């Protein structure tokens, strides 16, 4: 099996620890927190991989950042749902 091409597109977000936050506060905490790296080149289709999806706040923020660059198709993969 061949490996897939991959690249890190995001700078590490500056946000508060979300473990004790509910859905509304998590969404507010992550809003506009994820920024693409200055040299990031985005293809028209992307898969975002996240370890755990609790409320989706991180994935929503990541998708928003990518949509602002013109990415047409965004797919999300998580390994656990809490």
PDB file of N, CA and C in Angstrom:
ATOM      1  N   UNK A   1       0.836  -1.169   0.000  1.00  0.00           N
ATOM      2  CA  UNK A   1       0.000   0.000   0.000  1.00  0.00           C
ATOM      3  C   UNK A   1       0.890   1.244   0.000  1.00  0.00           C
ATOM      4  N   UNK A   2       0.589   2.199  -0.835  1.00  0.00           N
ATOM      5  CA  UNK A   2       1.359   3.430  -0.945  1.00  0.00           C
ATOM      6  C   UNK A   2       0.913   4.430   0.116  1.00  0.00           C
ATOM      7  N   UNK A   3       1.844   5.223   0.583  1.00  0.00           N
ATOM      8  CA  UNK A   3       1.536   6.268   1.561  1.00  0.00           C
ATOM      9  C   UNK A   3       0.883   7.453   0.859  1.00  0.00           C
ATOM     10  N   UNK A   4       0.028   8.134   1.572  1.00  0.00           N
ATOM     11  CA  UNK A   4      -0.614   9.328   1.036  1.00  0.00           C
ATOM     12  C   UNK A   4       0.263  10.549   1.282  1.00  0.00           C
ATOM     13  N   UNK A   5       0.250  11.480   0.344  1.00  0.00           N
ATOM     14  CA  UNK A   5       0.931  12.747   0.570  1.00  0.00           C
ATOM     15  C   UNK A   5       0.223  13.476   1.695  1.00  0.00           C
ATOM     16  N   UNK A   6       0.987  14.130   2.540  1.00  0.00           N
ATOM     17  CA  UNK A   6       0.383  14.888   3.629  1.00  0.00           C
ATOM     18  C   UNK A   6       1.229  16.124   3.921  1.00  0.00           C
ATOM     19  N   UNK A   7       0.614  17.088   4.530  1.00  0.00           N
ATOM     20  CA  UNK A   7       1.314  18.305   4.919  1.00  0.00           C
ATOM     21  C   UNK A   7       0.595  18.936   6.093  1.00  0.00           C
ATOM     22  N   UNK A   8       1.370  19.533   6.980  1.00  0.00           N
ATOM     23  CA  UNK A   8       0.770  20.306   8.055  1.00  0.00           C
ATOM     24  C   UNK A   8       0.452  21.688   7.505  1.00  0.00           C
ATOM     25  N   UNK A   9      -0.795  22.089   7.622  1.00  0.00           N
ATOM     26  CA  UNK A   9      -1.226  23.374   7.080  1.00  0.00           C
ATOM     27  C   UNK A   9      -1.461  24.418   8.155  1.00  0.00           C
ATOM     28  N   UNK A  10      -1.631  23.977   9.398  1.00  0.00           N
ATOM     29  CA  UNK A  10      -2.067  24.877  10.456  1.00  0.00           C
ATOM     30  C   UNK A  10      -0.960  25.217  11.433  1.00  0.00           C
ATOM     31  N   UNK A  11      -0.983  26.453  11.911  1.00  0.00           N
ATOM     32  CA  UNK A  11      -0.184  26.816  13.074  1.00  0.00           C
ATOM     33  C   UNK A  11      -0.949  26.328  14.294  1.00  0.00           C
ATOM     34  N   UNK A  12      -0.255  25.972  15.336  1.00  0.00           N
ATOM     35  CA  UNK A  12      -0.923  25.482  16.547  1.00  0.00           C
ATOM     36  C   UNK A  12      -1.847  26.574  17.082  1.00  0.00           C
ATOM     37  N   UNK A  13      -3.127  26.239  17.300  1.00  0.00           N
ATOM     38  CA  UNK A  13      -4.074  27.274  17.755  1.00  0.00           C
ATOM     39  C   UNK A  13      -3.795  27.729  19.179  1.00  0.00           C
ATOM     40  N   UNK A  14      -4.027  29.003  19.406  1.00  0.00           N
ATOM     41  CA  UNK A  14      -3.921  29.548  20.761  1.00  0.00           C
ATOM     42  C   UNK A  14      -5.331  29.622  21.312  1.00  0.00           C
ATOM     43  N   UNK A  15      -5.638  28.692  22.187  1.00  0.00           N
ATOM     44  CA  UNK A  15      -6.976  28.625  22.766  1.00  0.00           C
ATOM     45  C   UNK A  15      -6.865  28.143  24.201  1.00  0.00           C
ATOM     46  N   UNK A  16      -7.948  28.254  24.933  1.00  0.00           N
ATOM     47  CA  UNK A  16      -7.995  27.784  26.310  1.00  0.00           C
ATOM     48  C   UNK A  16      -8.240  26.278  26.323  1.00  0.00           C
ATOM     49  N   UNK A  17      -7.828  25.626  27.404  1.00  0.00           N
ATOM     50  CA  UNK A  17      -8.102  24.207  27.591  1.00  0.00           C
ATOM     51  C   UNK A  17      -9.613  23.991  27.515  1.00  0.00           C
ATOM     52  N   UNK A  18     -10.049  23.072  26.674  1.00  0.00           N
ATOM     53  CA  UNK A  18     -11.471  22.878  26.419  1.00  0.00           C
ATOM     54  C   UNK A  18     -12.100  21.740  27.212  1.00  0.00           C
ATOM     55  N   UNK A  19     -11.319  21.011  27.966  1.00  0.00           N
ATOM     56  CA  UNK A  19     -11.832  19.800  28.606  1.00  0.00           C
ATOM     57  C   UNK A  19     -13.043  20.039  29.496  1.00  0.00           C
ATOM     58  N   UNK A  20     -13.132  21.179  30.120  1.00  0.00           N
ATOM     59  CA  UNK A  20     -14.245  21.444  31.030  1.00  0.00           C
ATOM     60  C   UNK A  20     -15.326  22.326  30.407  1.00  0.00           C
ATOM     61  N   UNK A  21     -15.186  22.668  29.128  1.00  0.00           N
ATOM     62  CA  UNK A  21     -16.139  23.552  28.471  1.00  0.00           C
ATOM     63  C   UNK A  21     -17.252  22.769  27.787  1.00  0.00           C
ATOM     64  N   UNK A  22     -18.438  23.336  27.777  1.00  0.00           N
ATOM     65  CA  UNK A  22     -19.560  22.763  27.040  1.00  0.00           C
ATOM     66  C   UNK A  22     -19.474  23.152  25.573  1.00  0.00           C
ATOM     67  N   UNK A  23     -20.433  22.685  24.795  1.00  0.00           N
ATOM     68  CA  UNK A  23     -20.422  22.897  23.343  1.00  0.00           C
ATOM     69  C   UNK A  23     -20.348  24.374  22.949  1.00  0.00           C
ATOM     70  N   UNK A  24     -21.213  25.209  23.513  1.00  0.00           N
ATOM     71  CA  UNK A  24     -21.253  26.620  23.130  1.00  0.00           C
ATOM     72  C   UNK A  24     -19.930  27.313  23.437  1.00  0.00           C
ATOM     73  N   UNK A  25     -19.367  27.034  24.601  1.00  0.00           N
ATOM     74  CA  UNK A  25     -18.101  27.665  24.981  1.00  0.00           C
ATOM     75  C   UNK A  25     -16.929  27.120  24.164  1.00  0.00           C
ATOM     76  N   UNK A  26     -16.982  25.851  23.799  1.00  0.00           N
ATOM     77  CA  UNK A  26     -15.930  25.286  22.947  1.00  0.00           C
ATOM     78  C   UNK A  26     -15.949  25.938  21.567  1.00  0.00           C
ATOM     79  N   UNK A  27     -17.144  26.101  21.014  1.00  0.00           N
ATOM     80  CA  UNK A  27     -17.248  26.747  19.703  1.00  0.00           C
ATOM     81  C   UNK A  27     -16.705  28.166  19.761  1.00  0.00           C
ATOM     82  N   UNK A  28     -17.047  28.913  20.803  1.00  0.00           N
ATOM     83  CA  UNK A  28     -16.547  30.285  20.960  1.00  0.00           C
ATOM     84  C   UNK A  28     -15.040  30.297  21.176  1.00  0.00           C
ATOM     85  N   UNK A  29     -14.526  29.339  21.940  1.00  0.00           N
ATOM     86  CA  UNK A  29     -13.100  29.250  22.230  1.00  0.00           C
ATOM     87  C   UNK A  29     -12.276  29.026  20.964  1.00  0.00           C
ATOM     88  N   UNK A  30     -12.786  28.240  20.034  1.00  0.00           N
ATOM     89  CA  UNK A  30     -12.030  27.899  18.826  1.00  0.00           C
ATOM     90  C   UNK A  30     -12.298  28.827  17.640  1.00  0.00           C
ATOM     91  N   UNK A  31     -13.324  29.658  17.730  1.00  0.00           N
ATOM     92  CA  UNK A  31     -13.677  30.516  16.599  1.00  0.00           C
ATOM     93  C   UNK A  31     -12.489  31.396  16.193  1.00  0.00           C
ATOM     94  N   UNK A  32     -12.105  31.267  14.943  1.00  0.00           N
ATOM     95  CA  UNK A  32     -11.001  32.033  14.340  1.00  0.00           C
ATOM     96  C   UNK A  32      -9.657  31.813  15.021  1.00  0.00           C
ATOM     97  N   UNK A  33      -9.491  30.712  15.724  1.00  0.00           N
ATOM     98  CA  UNK A  33      -8.226  30.419  16.404  1.00  0.00           C
ATOM     99  C   UNK A  33      -7.244  29.671  15.515  1.00  0.00           C
ATOM    100  N   UNK A  34      -7.741  28.969  14.520  1.00  0.00           N
ATOM    101  CA  UNK A  34      -6.856  28.177  13.668  1.00  0.00           C
ATOM    102  C   UNK A  34      -6.469  29.012  12.457  1.00  0.00           C
ATOM    103  N   UNK A  35      -5.169  29.146  12.277  1.00  0.00           N
ATOM    104  CA  UNK A  35      -4.621  29.910  11.160  1.00  0.00           C
ATOM    105  C   UNK A  35      -3.750  28.990  10.311  1.00  0.00           C
ATOM    106  N   UNK A  36      -3.793  29.178   9.015  1.00  0.00           N
ATOM    107  CA  UNK A  36      -2.924  28.401   8.145  1.00  0.00           C
ATOM    108  C   UNK A  36      -1.503  28.954   8.224  1.00  0.00           C
ATOM    109  N   UNK A  37      -0.534  28.065   8.058  1.00  0.00           N
ATOM    110  CA  UNK A  37       0.858  28.495   8.016  1.00  0.00           C
ATOM    111  C   UNK A  37       1.060  29.404   6.804  1.00  0.00           C
ATOM    112  N   UNK A  38       1.928  30.405   6.914  1.00  0.00           N
ATOM    113  CA  UNK A  38       2.113  31.354   5.809  1.00  0.00           C
ATOM    114  C   UNK A  38       2.496  30.702   4.476  1.00  0.00           C
ATOM    115  N   UNK A  39       3.263  29.635   4.513  1.00  0.00           N
ATOM    116  CA  UNK A  39       3.710  28.985   3.278  1.00  0.00           C
ATOM    117  C   UNK A  39       2.794  27.846   2.844  1.00  0.00           C
ATOM    118  N   UNK A  40       1.663  27.669   3.506  1.00  0.00           N
ATOM    119  CA  UNK A  40       0.768  26.551   3.205  1.00  0.00           C
ATOM    120  C   UNK A  40       0.157  26.691   1.820  1.00  0.00           C
ATOM    121  N   UNK A  41       0.176  25.597   1.097  1.00  0.00           N
ATOM    122  CA  UNK A  41      -0.440  25.530  -0.222  1.00  0.00           C
ATOM    123  C   UNK A  41      -1.602  24.544  -0.114  1.00  0.00           C
ATOM    124  N   UNK A  42      -2.804  24.980  -0.450  1.00  0.00           N
ATOM    125  CA  UNK A  42      -3.968  24.123  -0.265  1.00  0.00           C
ATOM    126  C   UNK A  42      -4.485  23.580  -1.591  1.00  0.00           C
ATOM    127  N   UNK A  43      -4.637  22.265  -1.672  1.00  0.00           N
ATOM    128  CA  UNK A  43      -5.240  21.657  -2.855  1.00  0.00           C
ATOM    129  C   UNK A  43      -6.756  21.833  -2.808  1.00  0.00           C
ATOM    130  N   UNK A  44      -7.474  21.498  -3.867  1.00  0.00           N
ATOM    131  CA  UNK A  44      -8.924  21.674  -3.874  1.00  0.00           C
ATOM    132  C   UNK A  44      -9.668  20.713  -2.948  1.00  0.00           C
ATOM    133  N   UNK A  45      -9.058  19.574  -2.585  1.00  0.00           N
ATOM    134  CA  UNK A  45      -9.680  18.604  -1.677  1.00  0.00           C
ATOM    135  C   UNK A  45      -8.714  18.274  -0.552  1.00  0.00           C
ATOM    136  N   UNK A  46      -9.239  18.218   0.684  1.00  0.00           N
ATOM    137  CA  UNK A  46      -8.392  17.994   1.858  1.00  0.00           C
ATOM    138  C   UNK A  46      -9.105  17.055   2.821  1.00  0.00           C
ATOM    139  N   UNK A  47      -8.308  16.222   3.511  1.00  0.00           N
ATOM    140  CA  UNK A  47      -8.805  15.412   4.619  1.00  0.00           C
ATOM    141  C   UNK A  47      -8.170  15.953   5.895  1.00  0.00           C
ATOM    142  N   UNK A  48      -9.000  16.329   6.859  1.00  0.00           N
ATOM    143  CA  UNK A  48      -8.523  16.769   8.168  1.00  0.00           C
ATOM    144  C   UNK A  48      -8.579  15.561   9.094  1.00  0.00           C
ATOM    145  N   UNK A  49      -7.482  15.286   9.793  1.00  0.00           N
ATOM    146  CA  UNK A  49      -7.426  14.170  10.728  1.00  0.00           C
ATOM    147  C   UNK A  49      -7.309  14.736  12.138  1.00  0.00           C
ATOM    148  N   UNK A  50      -8.222  14.330  13.011  1.00  0.00           N
ATOM    149  CA  UNK A  50      -8.221  14.748  14.409  1.00  0.00           C
ATOM    150  C   UNK A  50      -8.351  13.505  15.266  1.00  0.00           C
ATOM    151  N   UNK A  51      -7.722  13.492  16.424  1.00  0.00           N
ATOM    152  CA  UNK A  51      -7.758  12.288  17.246  1.00  0.00           C
ATOM    153  C   UNK A  51      -9.130  12.046  17.867  1.00  0.00           C
ATOM    154  N   UNK A  52      -9.739  13.072  18.455  1.00  0.00           N
ATOM    155  CA  UNK A  52     -11.012  12.904  19.149  1.00  0.00           C
ATOM    156  C   UNK A  52     -11.970  14.019  18.754  1.00  0.00           C
ATOM    157  N   UNK A  53     -13.215  13.668  18.508  1.00  0.00           N
ATOM    158  CA  UNK A  53     -14.262  14.651  18.244  1.00  0.00           C
ATOM    159  C   UNK A  53     -15.227  14.632  19.418  1.00  0.00           C
ATOM    160  N   UNK A  54     -15.264  15.732  20.160  1.00  0.00           N
ATOM    161  CA  UNK A  54     -16.191  15.833  21.287  1.00  0.00           C
ATOM    162  C   UNK A  54     -17.409  16.641  20.861  1.00  0.00           C
ATOM    163  N   UNK A  55     -17.184  17.893  20.485  1.00  0.00           N
ATOM    164  CA  UNK A  55     -18.292  18.746  20.040  1.00  0.00           C
ATOM    165  C   UNK A  55     -18.143  19.169  18.582  1.00  0.00           C
ATOM    166  N   UNK A  56     -16.972  18.924  18.013  1.00  0.00           N
ATOM    167  CA  UNK A  56     -16.709  19.335  16.640  1.00  0.00           C
ATOM    168  C   UNK A  56     -16.136  20.739  16.528  1.00  0.00           C
ATOM    169  N   UNK A  57     -15.900  21.419  17.644  1.00  0.00           N
ATOM    170  CA  UNK A  57     -15.432  22.812  17.617  1.00  0.00           C
ATOM    171  C   UNK A  57     -14.102  22.962  16.872  1.00  0.00           C
ATOM    172  N   UNK A  58     -13.165  22.070  17.120  1.00  0.00           N
ATOM    173  CA  UNK A  58     -11.865  22.158  16.450  1.00  0.00           C
ATOM    174  C   UNK A  58     -12.014  21.893  14.957  1.00  0.00           C
ATOM    175  N   UNK A  59     -12.803  20.896  14.600  1.00  0.00           N
ATOM    176  CA  UNK A  59     -13.012  20.593  13.187  1.00  0.00           C
ATOM    177  C   UNK A  59     -13.722  21.735  12.464  1.00  0.00           C
ATOM    178  N   UNK A  60     -14.728  22.333  13.116  1.00  0.00           N
ATOM    179  CA  UNK A  60     -15.417  23.477  12.506  1.00  0.00           C
ATOM    180  C   UNK A  60     -14.440  24.620  12.257  1.00  0.00           C
ATOM    181  N   UNK A  61     -13.577  24.914  13.246  1.00  0.00           N
ATOM    182  CA  UNK A  61     -12.614  26.003  13.100  1.00  0.00           C
ATOM    183  C   UNK A  61     -11.611  25.700  11.984  1.00  0.00           C
ATOM    184  N   UNK A  62     -11.172  24.455  11.899  1.00  0.00           N
ATOM    185  CA  UNK A  62     -10.234  24.058  10.846  1.00  0.00           C
ATOM    186  C   UNK A  62     -10.890  24.181   9.474  1.00  0.00           C
ATOM    187  N   UNK A  63     -12.129  23.741   9.365  1.00  0.00           N
ATOM    188  CA  UNK A  63     -12.857  23.843   8.096  1.00  0.00           C
ATOM    189  C   UNK A  63     -13.062  25.299   7.692  1.00  0.00           C
ATOM    190  N   UNK A  64     -13.408  26.146   8.646  1.00  0.00           N
ATOM    191  CA  UNK A  64     -13.584  27.571   8.343  1.00  0.00           C
ATOM    192  C   UNK A  64     -12.303  28.173   7.777  1.00  0.00           C
ATOM    193  N   UNK A  65     -11.163  27.849   8.393  1.00  0.00           N
ATOM    194  CA  UNK A  65      -9.882  28.380   7.921  1.00  0.00           C
ATOM    195  C   UNK A  65      -9.591  27.916   6.495  1.00  0.00           C
ATOM    196  N   UNK A  66      -9.897  26.654   6.195  1.00  0.00           N
ATOM    197  CA  UNK A  66      -9.650  26.133   4.849  1.00  0.00           C
ATOM    198  C   UNK A  66     -10.618  26.706   3.821  1.00  0.00           C
ATOM    199  N   UNK A  67     -11.882  26.854   4.192  1.00  0.00           N
ATOM    200  CA  UNK A  67     -12.868  27.407   3.261  1.00  0.00           C
ATOM    201  C   UNK A  67     -12.493  28.824   2.845  1.00  0.00           C
ATOM    202  N   UNK A  68     -11.871  29.562   3.751  1.00  0.00           N
ATOM    203  CA  UNK A  68     -11.455  30.932   3.439  1.00  0.00           C
ATOM    204  C   UNK A  68     -10.318  30.982   2.425  1.00  0.00           C
ATOM    205  N   UNK A  69      -9.659  29.845   2.177  1.00  0.00           N
ATOM    206  CA  UNK A  69      -8.593  29.806   1.175  1.00  0.00           C
ATOM    207  C   UNK A  69      -9.071  29.238  -0.154  1.00  0.00           C
ATOM    208  N   UNK A  70     -10.345  28.849  -0.203  1.00  0.00           N
ATOM    209  CA  UNK A  70     -10.890  28.353  -1.460  1.00  0.00           C
ATOM    210  C   UNK A  70     -10.928  26.851  -1.620  1.00  0.00           C
ATOM    211  N   UNK A  71     -10.630  26.092  -0.564  1.00  0.00           N
ATOM    212  CA  UNK A  71     -10.720  24.631  -0.650  1.00  0.00           C
ATOM    213  C   UNK A  71     -12.175  24.257  -0.921  1.00  0.00           C
ATOM    214  N   UNK A  72     -12.391  23.409  -1.905  1.00  0.00           N
ATOM    215  CA  UNK A  72     -13.750  23.051  -2.330  1.00  0.00           C
ATOM    216  C   UNK A  72     -14.335  21.851  -1.598  1.00  0.00           C
ATOM    217  N   UNK A  73     -13.508  20.862  -1.291  1.00  0.00           N
ATOM    218  CA  UNK A  73     -13.987  19.625  -0.661  1.00  0.00           C
ATOM    219  C   UNK A  73     -13.151  19.349   0.585  1.00  0.00           C
ATOM    220  N   UNK A  74     -13.824  19.307   1.734  1.00  0.00           N
ATOM    221  CA  UNK A  74     -13.150  19.042   3.001  1.00  0.00           C
ATOM    222  C   UNK A  74     -13.789  17.809   3.635  1.00  0.00           C
ATOM    223  N   UNK A  75     -12.945  16.832   3.956  1.00  0.00           N
ATOM    224  CA  UNK A  75     -13.394  15.611   4.608  1.00  0.00           C
ATOM    225  C   UNK A  75     -12.719  15.551   5.974  1.00  0.00           C
ATOM    226  N   UNK A  76     -13.425  15.048   6.980  1.00  0.00           N
ATOM    227  CA  UNK A  76     -12.876  14.969   8.331  1.00  0.00           C
ATOM    228  C   UNK A  76     -12.853  13.526   8.798  1.00  0.00           C
ATOM    229  N   UNK A  77     -11.761  13.153   9.447  1.00  0.00           N
ATOM    230  CA  UNK A  77     -11.589  11.810   9.980  1.00  0.00           C
ATOM    231  C   UNK A  77     -11.187  11.940  11.442  1.00  0.00           C
ATOM    232  N   UNK A  78     -11.912  11.262  12.316  1.00  0.00           N
ATOM    233  CA  UNK A  78     -11.527  11.203  13.725  1.00  0.00           C
ATOM    234  C   UNK A  78     -11.449   9.749  14.143  1.00  0.00           C
ATOM    235  N   UNK A  79     -10.698   9.515  15.195  1.00  0.00           N
ATOM    236  CA  UNK A  79     -10.492   8.145  15.675  1.00  0.00           C
ATOM    237  C   UNK A  79     -11.382   7.797  16.850  1.00  0.00           C
ATOM    238  N   UNK A  80     -11.949   8.811  17.492  1.00  0.00           N
ATOM    239  CA  UNK A  80     -12.840   8.566  18.630  1.00  0.00           C
ATOM    240  C   UNK A  80     -13.876   9.676  18.688  1.00  0.00           C
ATOM    241  N   UNK A  81     -15.044   9.333  19.178  1.00  0.00           N
ATOM    242  CA  UNK A  81     -16.129  10.294  19.373  1.00  0.00           C
ATOM    243  C   UNK A  81     -16.539  10.206  20.824  1.00  0.00           C
ATOM    244  N   UNK A  82     -16.514  11.333  21.510  1.00  0.00           N
ATOM    245  CA  UNK A  82     -16.868  11.357  22.934  1.00  0.00           C
ATOM    246  C   UNK A  82     -18.246  11.959  23.092  1.00  0.00           C
TER     247      UNK A  82
END
